[in-house]
C-alpha atoms as a PDB file:
ATOM      1  CA  UNK A   1    -131.410 135.991-109.121  1.00  0.00           C
ATOM      2  CA  UNK A   2    -132.765 132.590-110.032  1.00  0.00           C
ATOM      3  CA  UNK A   3    -135.361 131.766-112.710  1.00  0.00           C
ATOM      4  CA  UNK A   4    -137.834 131.031-110.006  1.00  0.00           C
ATOM      5  CA  UNK A   5    -137.542 134.572-108.477  1.00  0.00           C
ATOM      6  CA  UNK A   6    -138.034 136.475-111.745  1.00  0.00           C
ATOM      7  CA  UNK A   7    -140.249 136.059-114.675  1.00  0.00           C
ATOM      8  CA  UNK A   8    -140.959 137.915-117.967  1.00  0.00           C
ATOM      9  CA  UNK A   9    -144.548 139.094-117.368  1.00  0.00           C
ATOM     10  CA  UNK A  10    -146.862 141.455-119.380  1.00  0.00           C
ATOM     11  CA  UNK A  11    -149.343 143.969-118.223  1.00  0.00           C
ATOM     12  CA  UNK A  12    -151.975 141.312-117.990  1.00  0.00           C
ATOM     13  CA  UNK A  13    -150.025 138.968-115.734  1.00  0.00           C
ATOM     14  CA  UNK A  14    -149.055 136.484-118.453  1.00  0.00           C
ATOM     15  CA  UNK A  15    -145.793 134.869-117.747  1.00  0.00           C
ATOM     16  CA  UNK A  16    -143.677 134.497-120.864  1.00  0.00           C
ATOM     17  CA  UNK A  17    -141.243 131.510-120.710  1.00  0.00           C
ATOM     18  CA  UNK A  18    -141.181 130.242-124.300  1.00  0.00           C
ATOM     19  CA  UNK A  19    -138.812 131.865-126.755  1.00  0.00           C
ATOM     20  CA  UNK A  20    -138.929 131.250-130.603  1.00  0.00           C
ATOM     21  CA  UNK A  21    -135.597 132.255-132.274  1.00  0.00           C
ATOM     22  CA  UNK A  22    -135.381 132.686-135.971  1.00  0.00           C
ATOM     23  CA  UNK A  23    -131.882 131.617-137.025  1.00  0.00           C
ATOM     24  CA  UNK A  24    -132.076 133.046-140.517  1.00  0.00           C
ATOM     25  CA  UNK A  25    -134.518 134.794-142.925  1.00  0.00           C
ATOM     26  CA  UNK A  26    -133.435 132.543-145.759  1.00  0.00           C
ATOM     27  CA  UNK A  27    -135.231 129.455-146.916  1.00  0.00           C
ATOM     28  CA  UNK A  28    -135.015 126.784-149.529  1.00  0.00           C
ATOM     29  CA  UNK A  29    -138.621 127.057-150.166  1.00  0.00           C
ATOM     30  CA  UNK A  30    -140.748 130.005-151.389  1.00  0.00           C
ATOM     31  CA  UNK A  31    -144.147 129.240-149.830  1.00  0.00           C
ATOM     32  CA  UNK A  32    -146.877 131.665-150.900  1.00  0.00           C
ATOM     33  CA  UNK A  33    -148.174 132.446-147.440  1.00  0.00           C
ATOM     34  CA  UNK A  34    -144.775 132.981-145.953  1.00  0.00           C
ATOM     35  CA  UNK A  35    -142.499 134.680-148.635  1.00  0.00           C
ATOM     36  CA  UNK A  36    -143.374 137.272-151.239  1.00  0.00           C
ATOM     37  CA  UNK A  37    -143.093 135.912-154.803  1.00  0.00           C
ATOM     38  CA  UNK A  38    -140.132 138.118-155.597  1.00  0.00           C
ATOM     39  CA  UNK A  39    -138.389 136.916-152.370  1.00  0.00           C
ATOM     40  CA  UNK A  40    -136.899 139.192-149.880  1.00  0.00           C
ATOM     41  CA  UNK A  41    -133.872 141.666-150.177  1.00  0.00           C
ATOM     42  CA  UNK A  42    -130.639 140.131-149.120  1.00  0.00           C
ATOM     43  CA  UNK A  43    -129.029 142.156-146.448  1.00  0.00           C
ATOM     44  CA  UNK A  44    -125.401 142.278-145.189  1.00  0.00           C
ATOM     45  CA  UNK A  45    -124.576 139.585-142.534  1.00  0.00           C
ATOM     46  CA  UNK A  46    -123.647 142.359-140.011  1.00  0.00           C
ATOM     47  CA  UNK A  47    -127.305 143.115-139.807  1.00  0.00           C
ATOM     48  CA  UNK A  48    -127.972 139.743-138.168  1.00  0.00           C
ATOM     49  CA  UNK A  49    -127.053 137.915-135.016  1.00  0.00           C
ATOM     50  CA  UNK A  50    -123.825 136.072-135.165  1.00  0.00           C
ATOM     51  CA  UNK A  51    -123.978 132.653-133.453  1.00  0.00           C
ATOM     52  CA  UNK A  52    -122.147 134.179-130.468  1.00  0.00           C
ATOM     53  CA  UNK A  53    -124.512 137.004-130.190  1.00  0.00           C
ATOM     54  CA  UNK A  54    -127.506 134.786-130.378  1.00  0.00           C
ATOM     55  CA  UNK A  55    -126.199 132.624-127.586  1.00  0.00           C
ATOM     56  CA  UNK A  56    -125.511 135.647-125.460  1.00  0.00           C
ATOM     57  CA  UNK A  57    -129.002 137.012-125.921  1.00  0.00           C
ATOM     58  CA  UNK A  58    -130.554 133.506-125.417  1.00  0.00           C
ATOM     59  CA  UNK A  59    -128.711 133.174-122.058  1.00  0.00           C
ATOM     60  CA  UNK A  60    -130.212 136.460-120.902  1.00  0.00           C
ATOM     61  CA  UNK A  61    -133.692 135.076-121.768  1.00  0.00           C
ATOM     62  CA  UNK A  62    -132.944 131.918-119.722  1.00  0.00           C
ATOM     63  CA  UNK A  63    -131.720 133.927-116.761  1.00  0.00           C
ATOM     64  CA  UNK A  64    -135.179 135.733-116.856  1.00  0.00           C
ATOM     65  CA  UNK A  65    -137.089 132.471-116.649  1.00  0.00           C
ATOM     66  CA  UNK A  66    -137.327 131.095-120.300  1.00  0.00           C
ATOM     67  CA  UNK A  67    -137.798 127.397-120.063  1.00  0.00           C
ATOM     68  CA  UNK A  68    -138.344 126.418-123.788  1.00  0.00           C
ATOM     69  CA  UNK A  69    -136.593 127.585-126.936  1.00  0.00           C
ATOM     70  CA  UNK A  70    -137.770 126.694-130.484  1.00  0.00           C
ATOM     71  CA  UNK A  71    -135.676 127.407-133.464  1.00  0.00           C
ATOM     72  CA  UNK A  72    -137.276 128.628-136.523  1.00  0.00           C
ATOM     73  CA  UNK A  73    -136.472 130.554-139.744  1.00  0.00           C
ATOM     74  CA  UNK A  74    -136.695 131.069-142.754  1.00  0.00           C
ATOM     75  CA  UNK A  75    -135.407 127.453-142.669  1.00  0.00           C
ATOM     76  CA  UNK A  76    -133.066 127.051-139.568  1.00  0.00           C
ATOM     77  CA  UNK A  77    -131.147 124.187-141.181  1.00  0.00           C
ATOM     78  CA  UNK A  78    -129.632 126.501-143.855  1.00  0.00           C
ATOM     79  CA  UNK A  79    -128.023 128.622-141.110  1.00  0.00           C
ATOM     80  CA  UNK A  80    -124.272 128.523-141.518  1.00  0.00           C
ATOM     81  CA  UNK A  81    -122.688 126.757-138.435  1.00  0.00           C
ATOM     82  CA  UNK A  82    -126.003 125.294-137.375  1.00  0.00           C
ATOM     83  CA  UNK A  83    -124.306 122.267-135.877  1.00  0.00           C
ATOM     84  CA  UNK A  84    -122.112 124.180-133.426  1.00  0.00           C
ATOM     85  CA  UNK A  85    -124.938 126.537-132.596  1.00  0.00           C
ATOM     86  CA  UNK A  86    -127.529 123.930-131.678  1.00  0.00           C
ATOM     87  CA  UNK A  87    -124.902 122.027-129.570  1.00  0.00           C
ATOM     88  CA  UNK A  88    -124.207 125.199-127.540  1.00  0.00           C
ATOM     89  CA  UNK A  89    -128.003 125.821-127.135  1.00  0.00           C
ATOM     90  CA  UNK A  90    -128.502 122.278-126.118  1.00  0.00           C
ATOM     91  CA  UNK A  91    -126.247 123.022-123.116  1.00  0.00           C
ATOM     92  CA  UNK A  92    -128.694 125.548-121.655  1.00  0.00           C
ATOM     93  CA  UNK A  93    -131.289 124.430-119.003  1.00  0.00           C
ATOM     94  CA  UNK A  94    -134.235 124.461-121.488  1.00  0.00           C
ATOM     95  CA  UNK A  95    -136.330 122.335-123.659  1.00  0.00           C
ATOM     96  CA  UNK A  96    -135.053 122.657-127.153  1.00  0.00           C
ATOM     97  CA  UNK A  97    -137.262 122.211-130.177  1.00  0.00           C
ATOM     98  CA  UNK A  98    -137.164 122.859-133.861  1.00  0.00           C
ATOM     99  CA  UNK A  99    -139.609 123.877-136.687  1.00  0.00           C
ATOM    100  CA  UNK A 100    -138.317 122.939-140.178  1.00  0.00           C
ATOM    101  CA  UNK A 101    -139.430 122.044-143.655  1.00  0.00           C
ATOM    102  CA  UNK A 102    -137.248 118.828-143.312  1.00  0.00           C
ATOM    103  CA  UNK A 103    -135.531 119.101-146.593  1.00  0.00           C
ATOM    104  CA  UNK A 104    -132.076 118.815-144.924  1.00  0.00           C
ATOM    105  CA  UNK A 105    -133.151 116.976-141.811  1.00  0.00           C
ATOM    106  CA  UNK A 106    -131.341 113.759-142.754  1.00  0.00           C
ATOM    107  CA  UNK A 107    -127.944 115.535-142.527  1.00  0.00           C
ATOM    108  CA  UNK A 108    -128.561 116.572-138.893  1.00  0.00           C
ATOM    109  CA  UNK A 109    -130.106 113.658-137.177  1.00  0.00           C
ATOM    110  CA  UNK A 110    -127.048 112.954-135.052  1.00  0.00           C
ATOM    111  CA  UNK A 111    -126.407 116.457-133.965  1.00  0.00           C
ATOM    112  CA  UNK A 112    -130.069 116.993-133.067  1.00  0.00           C
ATOM    113  CA  UNK A 113    -129.980 113.944-130.853  1.00  0.00           C
ATOM    114  CA  UNK A 114    -126.757 115.088-129.274  1.00  0.00           C
ATOM    115  CA  UNK A 115    -128.400 118.544-128.558  1.00  0.00           C
ATOM    116  CA  UNK A 116    -131.288 116.642-126.925  1.00  0.00           C
ATOM    117  CA  UNK A 117    -133.849 117.943-129.366  1.00  0.00           C
ATOM    118  CA  UNK A 118    -136.919 115.584-129.283  1.00  0.00           C
ATOM    119  CA  UNK A 119    -139.669 117.552-130.717  1.00  0.00           C
ATOM    120  CA  UNK A 120    -139.697 118.595-134.328  1.00  0.00           C
ATOM    121  CA  UNK A 121    -142.544 120.377-136.283  1.00  0.00           C
ATOM    122  CA  UNK A 122    -142.466 119.918-139.948  1.00  0.00           C
ATOM    123  CA  UNK A 123    -144.298 122.099-142.464  1.00  0.00           C
ATOM    124  CA  UNK A 124    -146.222 120.130-145.050  1.00  0.00           C
ATOM    125  CA  UNK A 125    -149.138 121.879-146.671  1.00  0.00           C
ATOM    126  CA  UNK A 126    -150.309 119.179-149.000  1.00  0.00           C
ATOM    127  CA  UNK A 127    -150.153 115.496-149.485  1.00  0.00           C
ATOM    128  CA  UNK A 128    -150.396 116.094-153.235  1.00  0.00           C
ATOM    129  CA  UNK A 129    -146.987 116.637-154.821  1.00  0.00           C
ATOM    130  CA  UNK A 130    -148.291 119.034-157.515  1.00  0.00           C
ATOM    131  CA  UNK A 131    -150.234 121.173-154.998  1.00  0.00           C
ATOM    132  CA  UNK A 132    -147.288 121.185-152.495  1.00  0.00           C
ATOM    133  CA  UNK A 133    -144.986 122.200-155.339  1.00  0.00           C
ATOM    134  CA  UNK A 134    -147.273 124.951-156.347  1.00  0.00           C
ATOM    135  CA  UNK A 135    -147.596 126.297-152.735  1.00  0.00           C
ATOM    136  CA  UNK A 136    -143.799 126.072-152.154  1.00  0.00           C
ATOM    137  CA  UNK A 137    -142.715 127.162-155.484  1.00  0.00           C
ATOM    138  CA  UNK A 138    -140.270 124.234-155.304  1.00  0.00           C
ATOM    139  CA  UNK A 139    -140.221 120.459-155.972  1.00  0.00           C
ATOM    140  CA  UNK A 140    -139.097 118.808-152.613  1.00  0.00           C
ATOM    141  CA  UNK A 141    -142.227 117.012-151.762  1.00  0.00           C
ATOM    142  CA  UNK A 142    -140.885 113.428-152.055  1.00  0.00           C
ATOM    143  CA  UNK A 143    -137.699 114.486-150.005  1.00  0.00           C
ATOM    144  CA  UNK A 144    -139.762 115.901-147.239  1.00  0.00           C
ATOM    145  CA  UNK A 145    -142.139 112.865-146.837  1.00  0.00           C
ATOM    146  CA  UNK A 146    -138.999 110.537-146.867  1.00  0.00           C
ATOM    147  CA  UNK A 147    -137.381 112.667-144.002  1.00  0.00           C
ATOM    148  CA  UNK A 148    -140.629 112.640-142.056  1.00  0.00           C
ATOM    149  CA  UNK A 149    -140.511 108.869-142.027  1.00  0.00           C
ATOM    150  CA  UNK A 150    -136.833 109.110-141.058  1.00  0.00           C
ATOM    151  CA  UNK A 151    -137.603 111.327-138.093  1.00  0.00           C
ATOM    152  CA  UNK A 152    -140.377 108.769-136.994  1.00  0.00           C
ATOM    153  CA  UNK A 153    -137.906 105.915-137.262  1.00  0.00           C
ATOM    154  CA  UNK A 154    -135.589 107.767-135.050  1.00  0.00           C
ATOM    155  CA  UNK A 155    -138.263 108.273-132.501  1.00  0.00           C
ATOM    156  CA  UNK A 156    -138.553 112.054-132.703  1.00  0.00           C
ATOM    157  CA  UNK A 157    -141.965 113.397-131.629  1.00  0.00           C
ATOM    158  CA  UNK A 158    -143.224 114.988-134.876  1.00  0.00           C
ATOM    159  CA  UNK A 159    -146.027 117.422-135.555  1.00  0.00           C
ATOM    160  CA  UNK A 160    -147.067 118.393-139.037  1.00  0.00           C
ATOM    161  CA  UNK A 161    -147.953 122.034-139.618  1.00  0.00           C
ATOM    162  CA  UNK A 162    -150.623 122.527-142.298  1.00  0.00           C
ATOM    163  CA  UNK A 163    -151.504 126.078-143.293  1.00  0.00           C
ATOM    164  CA  UNK A 164    -154.982 125.823-144.839  1.00  0.00           C
ATOM    165  CA  UNK A 165    -155.961 128.117-147.735  1.00  0.00           C
ATOM    166  CA  UNK A 166    -159.428 127.895-149.209  1.00  0.00           C
ATOM    167  CA  UNK A 167    -159.423 126.546-152.716  1.00  0.00           C
ATOM    168  CA  UNK A 168    -155.855 125.410-152.454  1.00  0.00           C
ATOM    169  CA  UNK A 169    -155.717 122.582-149.909  1.00  0.00           C
ATOM    170  CA  UNK A 170    -158.692 122.753-147.649  1.00  0.00           C
ATOM    171  CA  UNK A 171    -160.033 119.666-149.362  1.00  0.00           C
ATOM    172  CA  UNK A 172    -157.218 117.647-147.822  1.00  0.00           C
ATOM    173  CA  UNK A 173    -158.176 117.960-144.056  1.00  0.00           C
ATOM    174  CA  UNK A 174    -159.548 114.292-143.975  1.00  0.00           C
ATOM    175  CA  UNK A 175    -156.543 113.056-146.130  1.00  0.00           C
ATOM    176  CA  UNK A 176    -154.112 114.429-143.522  1.00  0.00           C
ATOM    177  CA  UNK A 177    -156.027 112.796-140.646  1.00  0.00           C
ATOM    178  CA  UNK A 178    -156.041 109.435-142.513  1.00  0.00           C
ATOM    179  CA  UNK A 179    -152.334 109.762-143.250  1.00  0.00           C
ATOM    180  CA  UNK A 180    -151.707 110.831-139.706  1.00  0.00           C
ATOM    181  CA  UNK A 181    -153.518 107.694-138.494  1.00  0.00           C
ATOM    182  CA  UNK A 182    -151.294 105.481-140.575  1.00  0.00           C
ATOM    183  CA  UNK A 183    -148.260 107.311-139.324  1.00  0.00           C
ATOM    184  CA  UNK A 184    -149.228 107.766-135.689  1.00  0.00           C
ATOM    185  CA  UNK A 185    -148.449 111.515-135.729  1.00  0.00           C
ATOM    186  CA  UNK A 186    -150.109 114.760-134.754  1.00  0.00           C
ATOM    187  CA  UNK A 187    -151.474 117.234-137.417  1.00  0.00           C
ATOM    188  CA  UNK A 188    -151.736 121.078-136.701  1.00  0.00           C
ATOM    189  CA  UNK A 189    -154.188 122.833-139.052  1.00  0.00           C
ATOM    190  CA  UNK A 190    -153.162 126.477-139.025  1.00  0.00           C
ATOM    191  CA  UNK A 191    -155.414 129.293-140.219  1.00  0.00           C
ATOM    192  CA  UNK A 192    -153.890 131.389-142.985  1.00  0.00           C
ATOM    193  CA  UNK A 193    -152.645 134.658-141.429  1.00  0.00           C
ATOM    194  CA  UNK A 194    -151.845 137.993-143.018  1.00  0.00           C
ATOM    195  CA  UNK A 195    -148.259 139.070-143.481  1.00  0.00           C
ATOM    196  CA  UNK A 196    -146.426 141.460-145.843  1.00  0.00           C
ATOM    197  CA  UNK A 197    -146.422 140.146-149.350  1.00  0.00           C
ATOM    198  CA  UNK A 198    -148.779 137.075-148.979  1.00  0.00           C
ATOM    199  CA  UNK A 199    -151.874 138.574-150.532  1.00  0.00           C
ATOM    200  CA  UNK A 200    -154.011 137.468-147.633  1.00  0.00           C
ATOM    201  CA  UNK A 201    -157.736 137.966-147.778  1.00  0.00           C
ATOM    202  CA  UNK A 202    -160.408 136.804-145.353  1.00  0.00           C
ATOM    203  CA  UNK A 203    -162.192 134.791-148.151  1.00  0.00           C
ATOM    204  CA  UNK A 204    -159.232 132.433-148.339  1.00  0.00           C
ATOM    205  CA  UNK A 205    -159.309 131.763-144.634  1.00  0.00           C
ATOM    206  CA  UNK A 206    -160.473 128.270-143.392  1.00  0.00           C
ATOM    207  CA  UNK A 207    -161.931 128.957-139.960  1.00  0.00           C
ATOM    208  CA  UNK A 208    -161.832 126.763-136.774  1.00  0.00           C
ATOM    209  CA  UNK A 209    -165.567 126.236-137.320  1.00  0.00           C
ATOM    210  CA  UNK A 210    -165.041 124.982-140.872  1.00  0.00           C
ATOM    211  CA  UNK A 211    -162.287 122.651-140.070  1.00  0.00           C
ATOM    212  CA  UNK A 212    -164.262 121.083-137.186  1.00  0.00           C
ATOM    213  CA  UNK A 213    -167.435 120.696-139.526  1.00  0.00           C
ATOM    214  CA  UNK A 214    -165.371 118.886-142.120  1.00  0.00           C
ATOM    215  CA  UNK A 215    -163.967 116.449-139.547  1.00  0.00           C
ATOM    216  CA  UNK A 216    -167.413 115.862-137.944  1.00  0.00           C
ATOM    217  CA  UNK A 217    -169.104 115.201-141.396  1.00  0.00           C
ATOM    218  CA  UNK A 218    -166.582 112.505-142.100  1.00  0.00           C
ATOM    219  CA  UNK A 219    -165.960 110.823-138.690  1.00  0.00           C
ATOM    220  CA  UNK A 220    -169.216 111.897-136.942  1.00  0.00           C
ATOM    221  CA  UNK A 221    -169.252 114.399-134.136  1.00  0.00           C
ATOM    222  CA  UNK A 222    -169.724 111.744-131.526  1.00  0.00           C
ATOM    223  CA  UNK A 223    -166.268 110.227-132.541  1.00  0.00           C
ATOM    224  CA  UNK A 224    -164.353 113.546-131.886  1.00  0.00           C
ATOM    225  CA  UNK A 225    -162.796 113.647-128.476  1.00  0.00           C
ATOM    226  CA  UNK A 226    -161.474 116.943-126.980  1.00  0.00           C
ATOM    227  CA  UNK A 227    -158.062 116.474-125.444  1.00  0.00           C
ATOM    228  CA  UNK A 228    -156.763 118.350-122.504  1.00  0.00           C
ATOM    229  CA  UNK A 229    -154.718 121.217-123.758  1.00  0.00           C
ATOM    230  CA  UNK A 230    -151.475 122.151-122.039  1.00  0.00           C
ATOM    231  CA  UNK A 231    -151.779 125.514-120.189  1.00  0.00           C
ATOM    232  CA  UNK A 232    -150.190 127.544-122.818  1.00  0.00           C
ATOM    233  CA  UNK A 233    -151.135 125.569-125.997  1.00  0.00           C
ATOM    234  CA  UNK A 234    -151.772 127.616-129.208  1.00  0.00           C
ATOM    235  CA  UNK A 235    -153.792 124.881-130.566  1.00  0.00           C
ATOM    236  CA  UNK A 236    -157.007 123.211-129.510  1.00  0.00           C
ATOM    237  CA  UNK A 237    -156.479 119.577-129.651  1.00  0.00           C
ATOM    238  CA  UNK A 238    -158.648 116.550-130.489  1.00  0.00           C
ATOM    239  CA  UNK A 239    -158.590 112.865-131.119  1.00  0.00           C
ATOM    240  CA  UNK A 240    -160.684 110.695-133.139  1.00  0.00           C
ATOM    241  CA  UNK A 241    -162.024 107.532-131.738  1.00  0.00           C
ATOM    242  CA  UNK A 242    -160.464 104.321-133.104  1.00  0.00           C
ATOM    243  CA  UNK A 243    -157.609 106.276-134.669  1.00  0.00           C
ATOM    244  CA  UNK A 244    -154.058 106.739-133.565  1.00  0.00           C
ATOM    245  CA  UNK A 245    -153.967 110.272-135.146  1.00  0.00           C
ATOM    246  CA  UNK A 246    -154.511 113.424-133.080  1.00  0.00           C
ATOM    247  CA  UNK A 247    -155.054 116.946-134.475  1.00  0.00           C
ATOM    248  CA  UNK A 248    -154.953 120.497-133.324  1.00  0.00           C
ATOM    249  CA  UNK A 249    -156.305 123.799-134.769  1.00  0.00           C
ATOM    250  CA  UNK A 250    -154.410 126.921-134.348  1.00  0.00           C
ATOM    251  CA  UNK A 251    -157.002 129.670-135.030  1.00  0.00           C
ATOM    252  CA  UNK A 252    -155.240 132.963-134.703  1.00  0.00           C
ATOM    253  CA  UNK A 253    -157.814 134.684-136.955  1.00  0.00           C
ATOM    254  CA  UNK A 254    -161.229 133.336-136.017  1.00  0.00           C
ATOM    255  CA  UNK A 255    -160.649 131.926-132.375  1.00  0.00           C
ATOM    256  CA  UNK A 256    -157.364 133.280-130.989  1.00  0.00           C
ATOM    257  CA  UNK A 257    -155.512 131.909-127.946  1.00  0.00           C
ATOM    258  CA  UNK A 258    -154.200 135.232-126.729  1.00  0.00           C
ATOM    259  CA  UNK A 259    -155.435 134.884-123.082  1.00  0.00           C
ATOM    260  CA  UNK A 260    -152.863 132.092-122.304  1.00  0.00           C
ATOM    261  CA  UNK A 261    -149.890 133.401-124.606  1.00  0.00           C
ATOM    262  CA  UNK A 262    -146.473 132.767-123.169  1.00  0.00           C
ATOM    263  CA  UNK A 263    -144.453 133.345-126.395  1.00  0.00           C
ATOM    264  CA  UNK A 264    -141.739 135.783-127.368  1.00  0.00           C
ATOM    265  CA  UNK A 265    -140.226 135.906-130.776  1.00  0.00           C
ATOM    266  CA  UNK A 266    -136.671 136.952-131.561  1.00  0.00           C
ATOM    267  CA  UNK A 267    -136.005 137.772-135.148  1.00  0.00           C
ATOM    268  CA  UNK A 268    -132.804 136.790-137.062  1.00  0.00           C
ATOM    269  CA  UNK A 269    -131.751 140.479-136.945  1.00  0.00           C
ATOM    270  CA  UNK A 270    -132.171 140.486-133.142  1.00  0.00           C
ATOM    271  CA  UNK A 271    -135.335 142.169-132.567  1.00  0.00           C
ATOM    272  CA  UNK A 272    -138.092 141.104-130.114  1.00  0.00           C
ATOM    273  CA  UNK A 273    -141.633 140.851-131.409  1.00  0.00           C
ATOM    274  CA  UNK A 274    -143.847 140.436-128.455  1.00  0.00           C
ATOM    275  CA  UNK A 275    -146.676 139.166-130.709  1.00  0.00           C
ATOM    276  CA  UNK A 276    -146.757 137.768-134.133  1.00  0.00           C
ATOM    277  CA  UNK A 277    -148.930 140.761-135.194  1.00  0.00           C
ATOM    278  CA  UNK A 278    -147.042 143.366-133.295  1.00  0.00           C
ATOM    279  CA  UNK A 279    -146.294 146.336-135.335  1.00  0.00           C
ATOM    280  CA  UNK A 280    -143.450 147.326-133.019  1.00  0.00           C
ATOM    281  CA  UNK A 281    -140.126 145.735-132.308  1.00  0.00           C
ATOM    282  CA  UNK A 282    -137.379 146.070-129.728  1.00  0.00           C
ATOM    283  CA  UNK A 283    -133.820 145.980-131.122  1.00  0.00           C
ATOM    284  CA  UNK A 284    -131.747 143.750-128.795  1.00  0.00           C
ATOM    285  CA  UNK A 285    -128.799 143.276-131.151  1.00  0.00           C
ATOM    286  CA  UNK A 286    -127.961 147.004-131.524  1.00  0.00           C
ATOM    287  CA  UNK A 287    -128.224 147.383-127.679  1.00  0.00           C
ATOM    288  CA  UNK A 288    -125.997 144.241-127.138  1.00  0.00           C
ATOM    289  CA  UNK A 289    -123.406 145.752-129.342  1.00  0.00           C
ATOM    290  CA  UNK A 290    -123.707 149.071-127.484  1.00  0.00           C
ATOM    291  CA  UNK A 291    -123.224 147.361-124.114  1.00  0.00           C
ATOM    292  CA  UNK A 292    -126.835 148.288-123.039  1.00  0.00           C
ATOM    293  CA  UNK A 293    -128.879 146.463-120.345  1.00  0.00           C
ATOM    294  CA  UNK A 294    -130.786 143.714-122.180  1.00  0.00           C
ATOM    295  CA  UNK A 295    -132.701 142.489-119.259  1.00  0.00           C
ATOM    296  CA  UNK A 296    -134.475 145.865-118.828  1.00  0.00           C
ATOM    297  CA  UNK A 297    -135.234 146.016-122.552  1.00  0.00           C
ATOM    298  CA  UNK A 298    -136.724 142.565-122.528  1.00  0.00           C
ATOM    299  CA  UNK A 299    -138.988 143.138-119.548  1.00  0.00           C
ATOM    300  CA  UNK A 300    -140.174 146.549-120.802  1.00  0.00           C
ATOM    301  CA  UNK A 301    -140.899 145.075-124.357  1.00  0.00           C
ATOM    302  CA  UNK A 302    -143.110 142.335-122.965  1.00  0.00           C
ATOM    303  CA  UNK A 303    -144.707 144.623-120.321  1.00  0.00           C
ATOM    304  CA  UNK A 304    -146.022 146.692-123.358  1.00  0.00           C
ATOM    305  CA  UNK A 305    -147.700 143.794-125.007  1.00  0.00           C
ATOM    306  CA  UNK A 306    -151.376 144.172-126.088  1.00  0.00           C
ATOM    307  CA  UNK A 307    -154.058 142.012-124.728  1.00  0.00           C
ATOM    308  CA  UNK A 308    -154.864 140.405-128.171  1.00  0.00           C
ATOM    309  CA  UNK A 309    -153.338 140.042-131.583  1.00  0.00           C
ATOM    310  CA  UNK A 310    -150.854 142.971-131.376  1.00  0.00           C
ATOM    311  CA  UNK A 311    -153.707 145.444-130.731  1.00  0.00           C
ATOM    312  CA  UNK A 312    -155.457 144.503-133.880  1.00  0.00           C
ATOM    313  CA  UNK A 313    -159.175 144.438-133.024  1.00  0.00           C
ATOM    314  CA  UNK A 314    -160.342 142.502-135.994  1.00  0.00           C
ATOM    315  CA  UNK A 315    -159.187 140.671-139.136  1.00  0.00           C
ATOM    316  CA  UNK A 316    -160.860 142.091-142.248  1.00  0.00           C
ATOM    317  CA  UNK A 317    -159.645 142.858-145.685  1.00  0.00           C
ATOM    318  CA  UNK A 318    -159.612 146.568-144.851  1.00  0.00           C
ATOM    319  CA  UNK A 319    -157.960 146.419-141.452  1.00  0.00           C
ATOM    320  CA  UNK A 320    -155.150 144.033-142.630  1.00  0.00           C
ATOM    321  CA  UNK A 321    -154.186 146.617-145.276  1.00  0.00           C
ATOM    322  CA  UNK A 322    -153.202 149.023-142.552  1.00  0.00           C
ATOM    323  CA  UNK A 323    -150.923 146.592-140.637  1.00  0.00           C
ATOM    324  CA  UNK A 324    -147.270 147.424-140.826  1.00  0.00           C
ATOM    325  CA  UNK A 325    -145.667 143.988-140.370  1.00  0.00           C
ATOM    326  CA  UNK A 326    -142.995 142.035-142.004  1.00  0.00           C
ATOM    327  CA  UNK A 327    -143.295 138.824-144.034  1.00  0.00           C
ATOM    328  CA  UNK A 328    -143.477 135.519-142.210  1.00  0.00           C
ATOM    329  CA  UNK A 329    -140.038 134.359-143.330  1.00  0.00           C
ATOM    330  CA  UNK A 330    -138.515 137.470-141.864  1.00  0.00           C
ATOM    331  CA  UNK A 331    -140.397 137.402-138.636  1.00  0.00           C
ATOM    332  CA  UNK A 332    -139.799 133.747-138.034  1.00  0.00           C
ATOM    333  CA  UNK A 333    -142.311 130.891-137.876  1.00  0.00           C
END
C-alpha cells in the first residue's frame, strides 16, 4: 500500500501527515513555561525509545502517509547518538526539520546539512540577556544568539519561537520585529499554554488581539499585510511594509487553529499524543516490543481525536486545574 492510497485521518476528515518526534525529555535549559522548577524525575533508559525503535516507528508513520517529521525535545541535540539517528531519518522520503534552543547547534551543522535539514526553529524568549536567563534559569543567551547568526550564514531557514508571558517579555514584541528586520528572519509569537508544573494562569496570557494591537500601534495598521498561510499552518502570518521581517502568531489559547490540524506527537517514551492538550496517550513502544500491529494503533489513536484542543472547551484558571497533562519538556515541543 502506497502513501497515496492510505492516510492517517481523524473523525473530522483531517489528514495527519506531520509527525513531531521528541528525542529526549532532557534539556540543558529549565524554561519556566516548559519545565517545573524542580526539574523532572529521571527514568531508566529502558522506558524510552532506542534509536532503532524510533526509526522503526517512524517508518510505520511514513508508510501511512507522513510527509514531514520535526525533531523536538527536551532539547534534541542532547540525545545520545544524535548524529547517526538524524542521518538515518534523513534517508526517509520526508521533509526533516528541527526545533532546538541552539546551544549546541554549532557542533552539528555538518550532519544537519548531510541529513538535508533546511528548516530550524530556535527558541529565544527575550532579546535581553537578564530576562532570557531568568526565563531559562540558565546563562546561554550570548551562545544562542551567536549560533542563530551561524545558522543564517549557513543558509538555514530560521524561525524564532517566542513564548510571550505578560509582565515578563511582552514588552519586547516590537524589539523582536526590529531585530528580525535586521536579520531577515521570521518570528513566531506563541501564546503561553498550560502544562503540568508551569503555573499557568489566564492573566499571564498575551492574546492574539493584544499582539496585533501592539504591532499596529507601532507600525500602523495600514502597514501590516496578511500573508497567505499554508494549508495546515499553526500560525497566522503577516508582513510589515518596508521591512524584511515576517511574523506569525500561534494562538492556541485565544484563537486556535484546530480546524486544519495535521499534527501527531510522539513522545520520547514512545506514546502518541493526538493533540498537545490530549489527556490520553497511546503506547506504541510497548506495543512494538510486544510485536503488535502499530498501524492499527496509530489509525485508531488519530481517529479518536477531539475536534478542538483535546476536548477542552475553554481555557480558564479553573478548567486548567482539571487537566491531567504532562509538562511540555516531557510531551515534546
